[in-house]
Amino acid sequence: MTEGKRKFTGFVALFRGINVGKTKRVEMARLKSMFESIGCADVSTYINSGNVIFASDGKAENIGNVIAAALEKEFGFYAEILIKTRIEMKKIADAIPAGWRNDSAQRTDVAYLFPEIDSEEILSELPVNMEFIDMRYVKGALFWNVRRENYNKSRLNRLIGHRSYQLMTVRNVNTARFLAGCSPDKQ
């Protein structure tokens, strides 16, 4: 590499809790501009739930702090942000069985885990009924599949009240697969 050239890595920023209610509203075009203003390249957003695909020459742990500060300055509030590399997103998506989908018969979601709870032990701590749900761990995430007719029996809705829920951000399987497949590849 010649001096002066920046080495970019592909990342995905997963915001927690934006655009889900009347507070913490973020316009995606404005969010994209904010990322560009802090030096990120190849910036794109995906759906309105706070997914930003970008490239940066920074380290993941530093980028999150810079983005959080810029978000607070631009939009006037703080939001939790989980930064994953393109490689991490692909490993997570590749671990999901190909037949797991979101359709009229089944529901599949991915919970990306903040470092504080990123452990396989999380599986035994959650208030779900494993008899009716297939929930698995891979470094950085939990993912699950439940037949629609078993959703209530699975007690998946109890996850929202669990203390660990504040340390994860959930996306449906379609979003997870999309984000894994289109992250900038500048490595």
C-alpha atoms as a PDB file:
ATOM      1  CA  MET A   1       0.000   0.000   0.000  1.00  0.00           C
ATOM      2  CA  THR A   2       1.390   3.406  -0.880  1.00  0.00           C
ATOM      3  CA  GLU A   3       1.504   6.189   1.648  1.00  0.00           C
ATOM      4  CA  GLY A   4      -1.561   8.415   1.562  1.00  0.00           C
ATOM      5  CA  LYS A   5      -3.963   5.648   0.540  1.00  0.00           C
ATOM      6  CA  ARG A   6      -6.591   4.765   3.096  1.00  0.00           C
ATOM      7  CA  LYS A   7      -7.452   1.122   3.726  1.00  0.00           C
ATOM      8  CA  PHE A   8     -11.212   0.778   4.002  1.00  0.00           C
ATOM      9  CA  THR A   9     -13.164  -1.967   5.718  1.00  0.00           C
ATOM     10  CA  GLY A  10     -16.826  -2.721   5.078  1.00  0.00           C
ATOM     11  CA  PHE A  11     -19.128  -2.247   8.071  1.00  0.00           C
ATOM     12  CA  VAL A  12     -22.792  -2.297   8.985  1.00  0.00           C
ATOM     13  CA  ALA A  13     -24.179  -0.027  11.697  1.00  0.00           C
ATOM     14  CA  LEU A  14     -27.229  -1.463  13.435  1.00  0.00           C
ATOM     15  CA  PHE A  15     -29.086   1.202  15.392  1.00  0.00           C
ATOM     16  CA  ARG A  16     -31.249   0.119  18.285  1.00  0.00           C
ATOM     17  CA  GLY A  17     -34.624   1.757  18.822  1.00  0.00           C
ATOM     18  CA  ILE A  18     -34.783   4.381  16.099  1.00  0.00           C
ATOM     19  CA  ASN A  19     -37.936   4.941  14.039  1.00  0.00           C
ATOM     20  CA  VAL A  20     -39.981   2.509  16.147  1.00  0.00           C
ATOM     21  CA  GLY A  21     -42.257   5.079  17.792  1.00  0.00           C
ATOM     22  CA  LYS A  22     -42.853   8.797  17.728  1.00  0.00           C
ATOM     23  CA  THR A  23     -39.538   9.568  19.402  1.00  0.00           C
ATOM     24  CA  LYS A  24     -36.073   8.978  17.979  1.00  0.00           C
ATOM     25  CA  ARG A  25     -37.187   9.662  14.415  1.00  0.00           C
ATOM     26  CA  VAL A  26     -34.400   9.612  11.832  1.00  0.00           C
ATOM     27  CA  GLU A  27     -34.733  10.394   8.147  1.00  0.00           C
ATOM     28  CA  MET A  28     -32.538   7.921   6.249  1.00  0.00           C
ATOM     29  CA  ALA A  29     -31.263  10.455   3.664  1.00  0.00           C
ATOM     30  CA  ARG A  30     -30.141  12.745   6.481  1.00  0.00           C
ATOM     31  CA  LEU A  31     -28.534   9.804   8.310  1.00  0.00           C
ATOM     32  CA  LYS A  32     -26.639   8.869   5.132  1.00  0.00           C
ATOM     33  CA  SER A  33     -25.369  12.460   4.821  1.00  0.00           C
ATOM     34  CA  MET A  34     -24.280  12.397   8.463  1.00  0.00           C
ATOM     35  CA  PHE A  35     -22.190   9.264   7.850  1.00  0.00           C
ATOM     36  CA  GLU A  36     -20.569  10.877   4.810  1.00  0.00           C
ATOM     37  CA  SER A  37     -19.816  14.030   6.825  1.00  0.00           C
ATOM     38  CA  ILE A  38     -17.747  12.005   9.321  1.00  0.00           C
ATOM     39  CA  GLY A  39     -15.614  10.449   6.587  1.00  0.00           C
ATOM     40  CA  CYS A  40     -17.436   7.229   5.781  1.00  0.00           C
ATOM     41  CA  ALA A  41     -17.518   6.040   2.162  1.00  0.00           C
ATOM     42  CA  ASP A  42     -19.935   3.978   0.069  1.00  0.00           C
ATOM     43  CA  VAL A  43     -22.765   4.821   2.479  1.00  0.00           C
ATOM     44  CA  SER A  44     -26.232   3.385   1.951  1.00  0.00           C
ATOM     45  CA  THR A  45     -29.184   2.790   4.222  1.00  0.00           C
ATOM     46  CA  TYR A  46     -31.545  -0.145   4.208  1.00  0.00           C
ATOM     47  CA  ILE A  47     -35.154   0.213   5.277  1.00  0.00           C
ATOM     48  CA  ASN A  48     -36.228   2.687   7.916  1.00  0.00           C
ATOM     49  CA  SER A  49     -35.166   0.724  11.000  1.00  0.00           C
ATOM     50  CA  GLY A  50     -31.604   2.036  11.228  1.00  0.00           C
ATOM     51  CA  ASN A  51     -29.337  -0.099   9.089  1.00  0.00           C
ATOM     52  CA  VAL A  52     -26.390   1.702   7.512  1.00  0.00           C
ATOM     53  CA  ILE A  53     -23.905  -0.005   5.222  1.00  0.00           C
ATOM     54  CA  PHE A  54     -20.622   1.864   4.880  1.00  0.00           C
ATOM     55  CA  ALA A  55     -16.858   1.684   4.549  1.00  0.00           C
ATOM     56  CA  SER A  56     -14.345   3.304   6.859  1.00  0.00           C
ATOM     57  CA  ASP A  57     -10.647   3.261   7.599  1.00  0.00           C
ATOM     58  CA  GLY A  58     -11.364   3.320  11.348  1.00  0.00           C
ATOM     59  CA  LYS A  59     -11.682   0.516  13.885  1.00  0.00           C
ATOM     60  CA  ALA A  60     -15.155  -0.755  14.793  1.00  0.00           C
ATOM     61  CA  GLU A  61     -14.895   0.228  18.472  1.00  0.00           C
ATOM     62  CA  ASN A  62     -13.879   3.793  17.600  1.00  0.00           C
ATOM     63  CA  ILE A  63     -16.355   4.228  14.755  1.00  0.00           C
ATOM     64  CA  GLY A  64     -19.303   3.510  17.054  1.00  0.00           C
ATOM     65  CA  ASN A  65     -18.314   6.378  19.370  1.00  0.00           C
ATOM     66  CA  VAL A  66     -17.852   8.795  16.464  1.00  0.00           C
ATOM     67  CA  ILE A  67     -21.227   7.817  14.975  1.00  0.00           C
ATOM     68  CA  ALA A  68     -23.012   8.106  18.339  1.00  0.00           C
ATOM     69  CA  ALA A  69     -21.624  11.624  18.874  1.00  0.00           C
ATOM     70  CA  ALA A  70     -22.551  12.681  15.326  1.00  0.00           C
ATOM     71  CA  LEU A  71     -26.070  11.242  15.723  1.00  0.00           C
ATOM     72  CA  GLU A  72     -26.620  13.135  18.953  1.00  0.00           C
ATOM     73  CA  LYS A  73     -25.391  16.365  17.364  1.00  0.00           C
ATOM     74  CA  GLU A  74     -27.437  15.900  14.177  1.00  0.00           C
ATOM     75  CA  PHE A  75     -30.682  14.500  15.606  1.00  0.00           C
ATOM     76  CA  GLY A  76     -30.590  15.563  19.258  1.00  0.00           C
ATOM     77  CA  PHE A  77     -30.697  12.155  20.918  1.00  0.00           C
ATOM     78  CA  TYR A  78     -28.491   9.195  21.777  1.00  0.00           C
ATOM     79  CA  ALA A  79     -29.113   5.738  20.326  1.00  0.00           C
ATOM     80  CA  GLU A  80     -27.274   2.478  20.936  1.00  0.00           C
ATOM     81  CA  ILE A  81     -25.297   1.391  17.883  1.00  0.00           C
ATOM     82  CA  LEU A  82     -23.791  -1.976  17.163  1.00  0.00           C
ATOM     83  CA  ILE A  83     -21.031  -1.971  14.543  1.00  0.00           C
ATOM     84  CA  LYS A  84     -20.336  -5.223  12.690  1.00  0.00           C
ATOM     85  CA  THR A  85     -17.823  -5.857   9.942  1.00  0.00           C
ATOM     86  CA  ARG A  86     -18.939  -7.236   6.612  1.00  0.00           C
ATOM     87  CA  ILE A  87     -17.179 -10.484   7.516  1.00  0.00           C
ATOM     88  CA  GLU A  88     -19.034 -10.774  10.849  1.00  0.00           C
ATOM     89  CA  MET A  89     -22.384 -10.124   9.154  1.00  0.00           C
ATOM     90  CA  LYS A  90     -21.670 -12.798   6.540  1.00  0.00           C
ATOM     91  CA  LYS A  91     -20.662 -15.387   9.175  1.00  0.00           C
ATOM     92  CA  ILE A  92     -23.892 -14.755  11.057  1.00  0.00           C
ATOM     93  CA  ALA A  93     -26.076 -14.941   7.943  1.00  0.00           C
ATOM     94  CA  ASP A  94     -24.277 -18.058   6.698  1.00  0.00           C
ATOM     95  CA  ALA A  95     -25.065 -19.839   9.984  1.00  0.00           C
ATOM     96  CA  ILE A  96     -28.826 -19.484   9.440  1.00  0.00           C
ATOM     97  CA  PRO A  97     -30.269 -22.608   7.795  1.00  0.00           C
ATOM     98  CA  ALA A  98     -31.272 -21.880   4.186  1.00  0.00           C
ATOM     99  CA  GLY A  99     -34.823 -23.128   4.749  1.00  0.00           C
ATOM    100  CA  TRP A 100     -35.507 -20.659   7.554  1.00  0.00           C
ATOM    101  CA  ARG A 101     -37.684 -17.852   6.222  1.00  0.00           C
ATOM    102  CA  ASN A 102     -40.360 -15.370   7.083  1.00  0.00           C
ATOM    103  CA  ASP A 103     -43.556 -16.489   5.446  1.00  0.00           C
ATOM    104  CA  SER A 104     -47.070 -17.544   6.366  1.00  0.00           C
ATOM    105  CA  ALA A 105     -45.797 -20.757   8.004  1.00  0.00           C
ATOM    106  CA  GLN A 106     -42.696 -19.615   9.903  1.00  0.00           C
ATOM    107  CA  ARG A 107     -40.942 -16.643  11.427  1.00  0.00           C
ATOM    108  CA  THR A 108     -37.174 -16.211  11.564  1.00  0.00           C
ATOM    109  CA  ASP A 109     -35.333 -13.349  13.264  1.00  0.00           C
ATOM    110  CA  VAL A 110     -31.762 -12.452  14.184  1.00  0.00           C
ATOM    111  CA  ALA A 111     -30.826 -10.708  17.428  1.00  0.00           C
ATOM    112  CA  TYR A 112     -27.432  -9.051  17.083  1.00  0.00           C
ATOM    113  CA  LEU A 113     -25.769  -9.061  20.502  1.00  0.00           C
ATOM    114  CA  PHE A 114     -23.854  -6.276  22.193  1.00  0.00           C
ATOM    115  CA  PRO A 115     -20.545  -7.509  23.677  1.00  0.00           C
ATOM    116  CA  GLU A 116     -21.886  -7.615  27.257  1.00  0.00           C
ATOM    117  CA  ILE A 117     -24.150 -10.591  26.447  1.00  0.00           C
ATOM    118  CA  ASP A 118     -22.347 -12.150  23.476  1.00  0.00           C
ATOM    119  CA  SER A 119     -22.073 -15.687  24.812  1.00  0.00           C
ATOM    120  CA  GLU A 120     -23.726 -19.017  24.120  1.00  0.00           C
ATOM    121  CA  GLU A 121     -24.876 -18.981  27.761  1.00  0.00           C
ATOM    122  CA  ILE A 122     -27.539 -16.454  26.758  1.00  0.00           C
ATOM    123  CA  LEU A 123     -29.592 -19.342  25.336  1.00  0.00           C
ATOM    124  CA  SER A 124     -30.268 -20.769  28.805  1.00  0.00           C
ATOM    125  CA  GLU A 125     -31.117 -17.355  30.284  1.00  0.00           C
ATOM    126  CA  LEU A 126     -33.930 -16.323  27.948  1.00  0.00           C
ATOM    127  CA  PRO A 127     -37.598 -16.853  28.925  1.00  0.00           C
ATOM    128  CA  VAL A 128     -38.551 -18.757  25.769  1.00  0.00           C
ATOM    129  CA  ASN A 129     -39.979 -22.255  25.558  1.00  0.00           C
ATOM    130  CA  MET A 130     -37.350 -24.167  23.572  1.00  0.00           C
ATOM    131  CA  GLU A 131     -39.839 -26.969  22.927  1.00  0.00           C
ATOM    132  CA  PHE A 132     -41.594 -24.722  20.385  1.00  0.00           C
ATOM    133  CA  ILE A 133     -38.733 -22.652  18.976  1.00  0.00           C
ATOM    134  CA  ASP A 134     -35.387 -23.463  17.404  1.00  0.00           C
ATOM    135  CA  MET A 135     -32.997 -20.833  18.795  1.00  0.00           C
ATOM    136  CA  ARG A 136     -29.276 -20.924  18.076  1.00  0.00           C
ATOM    137  CA  TYR A 137     -26.183 -18.935  18.952  1.00  0.00           C
ATOM    138  CA  VAL A 138     -23.307 -17.901  16.717  1.00  0.00           C
ATOM    139  CA  LYS A 139     -20.666 -15.398  17.787  1.00  0.00           C
ATOM    140  CA  GLY A 140     -22.331 -11.993  17.645  1.00  0.00           C
ATOM    141  CA  ALA A 141     -25.937 -13.119  17.355  1.00  0.00           C
ATOM    142  CA  LEU A 142     -28.849 -15.321  18.265  1.00  0.00           C
ATOM    143  CA  PHE A 143     -31.219 -16.456  15.565  1.00  0.00           C
ATOM    144  CA  TRP A 144     -34.452 -18.337  15.815  1.00  0.00           C
ATOM    145  CA  ASN A 145     -37.171 -19.998  13.831  1.00  0.00           C
ATOM    146  CA  VAL A 146     -40.666 -20.664  15.050  1.00  0.00           C
ATOM    147  CA  ARG A 147     -43.696 -22.068  13.272  1.00  0.00           C
ATOM    148  CA  ARG A 148     -46.389 -19.388  13.216  1.00  0.00           C
ATOM    149  CA  GLU A 149     -48.894 -21.679  14.936  1.00  0.00           C
ATOM    150  CA  ASN A 150     -46.400 -22.138  17.806  1.00  0.00           C
ATOM    151  CA  TYR A 151     -45.506 -18.477  18.274  1.00  0.00           C
ATOM    152  CA  ASN A 152     -47.542 -17.992  21.480  1.00  0.00           C
ATOM    153  CA  LYS A 153     -46.412 -21.341  22.888  1.00  0.00           C
ATOM    154  CA  SER A 154     -42.770 -20.372  22.263  1.00  0.00           C
ATOM    155  CA  ARG A 155     -43.168 -17.371  24.613  1.00  0.00           C
ATOM    156  CA  LEU A 156     -40.941 -15.392  22.243  1.00  0.00           C
ATOM    157  CA  ASN A 157     -42.920 -12.264  23.133  1.00  0.00           C
ATOM    158  CA  ARG A 158     -41.454 -12.486  26.673  1.00  0.00           C
ATOM    159  CA  LEU A 159     -38.041 -11.694  25.255  1.00  0.00           C
ATOM    160  CA  ILE A 160     -38.943  -7.978  25.169  1.00  0.00           C
ATOM    161  CA  GLY A 161     -39.253  -7.840  28.962  1.00  0.00           C
ATOM    162  CA  HIS A 162     -36.002  -9.701  29.639  1.00  0.00           C
ATOM    163  CA  ARG A 163     -32.986  -7.725  30.912  1.00  0.00           C
ATOM    164  CA  SER A 164     -30.843  -8.925  27.980  1.00  0.00           C
ATOM    165  CA  TYR A 165     -33.247  -7.447  25.427  1.00  0.00           C
ATOM    166  CA  GLN A 166     -31.731  -3.993  26.000  1.00  0.00           C
ATOM    167  CA  LEU A 167     -28.388  -5.398  24.811  1.00  0.00           C
ATOM    168  CA  MET A 168     -29.547  -6.745  21.460  1.00  0.00           C
ATOM    169  CA  THR A 169     -31.027  -5.356  18.284  1.00  0.00           C
ATOM    170  CA  VAL A 170     -33.364  -7.577  16.281  1.00  0.00           C
ATOM    171  CA  ARG A 171     -33.802  -7.797  12.512  1.00  0.00           C
ATOM    172  CA  ASN A 172     -35.866 -10.217  10.458  1.00  0.00           C
ATOM    173  CA  VAL A 173     -34.014 -12.860   8.474  1.00  0.00           C
ATOM    174  CA  ASN A 174     -34.565 -11.074   5.161  1.00  0.00           C
ATOM    175  CA  THR A 175     -32.853  -7.950   6.482  1.00  0.00           C
ATOM    176  CA  ALA A 176     -30.025 -10.010   8.018  1.00  0.00           C
ATOM    177  CA  ARG A 177     -29.355 -11.766   4.726  1.00  0.00           C
ATOM    178  CA  PHE A 178     -29.546  -8.535   2.737  1.00  0.00           C
ATOM    179  CA  LEU A 179     -27.121  -6.719   5.035  1.00  0.00           C
ATOM    180  CA  ALA A 180     -24.673  -9.631   4.874  1.00  0.00           C
ATOM    181  CA  GLY A 181     -24.743  -9.707   1.103  1.00  0.00           C
ATOM    182  CA  CYS A 182     -24.415  -6.065   0.205  1.00  0.00           C
ATOM    183  CA  SER A 183     -21.964  -4.609   2.694  1.00  0.00           C
ATOM    184  CA  PRO A 184     -19.128  -2.713   1.024  1.00  0.00           C
ATOM    185  CA  ASP A 185     -16.249  -5.037   0.241  1.00  0.00           C
ATOM    186  CA  LYS A 186     -13.124  -2.902   0.277  1.00  0.00           C
ATOM    187  CA  GLN A 187     -10.815  -5.308   2.079  1.00  0.00           C
END
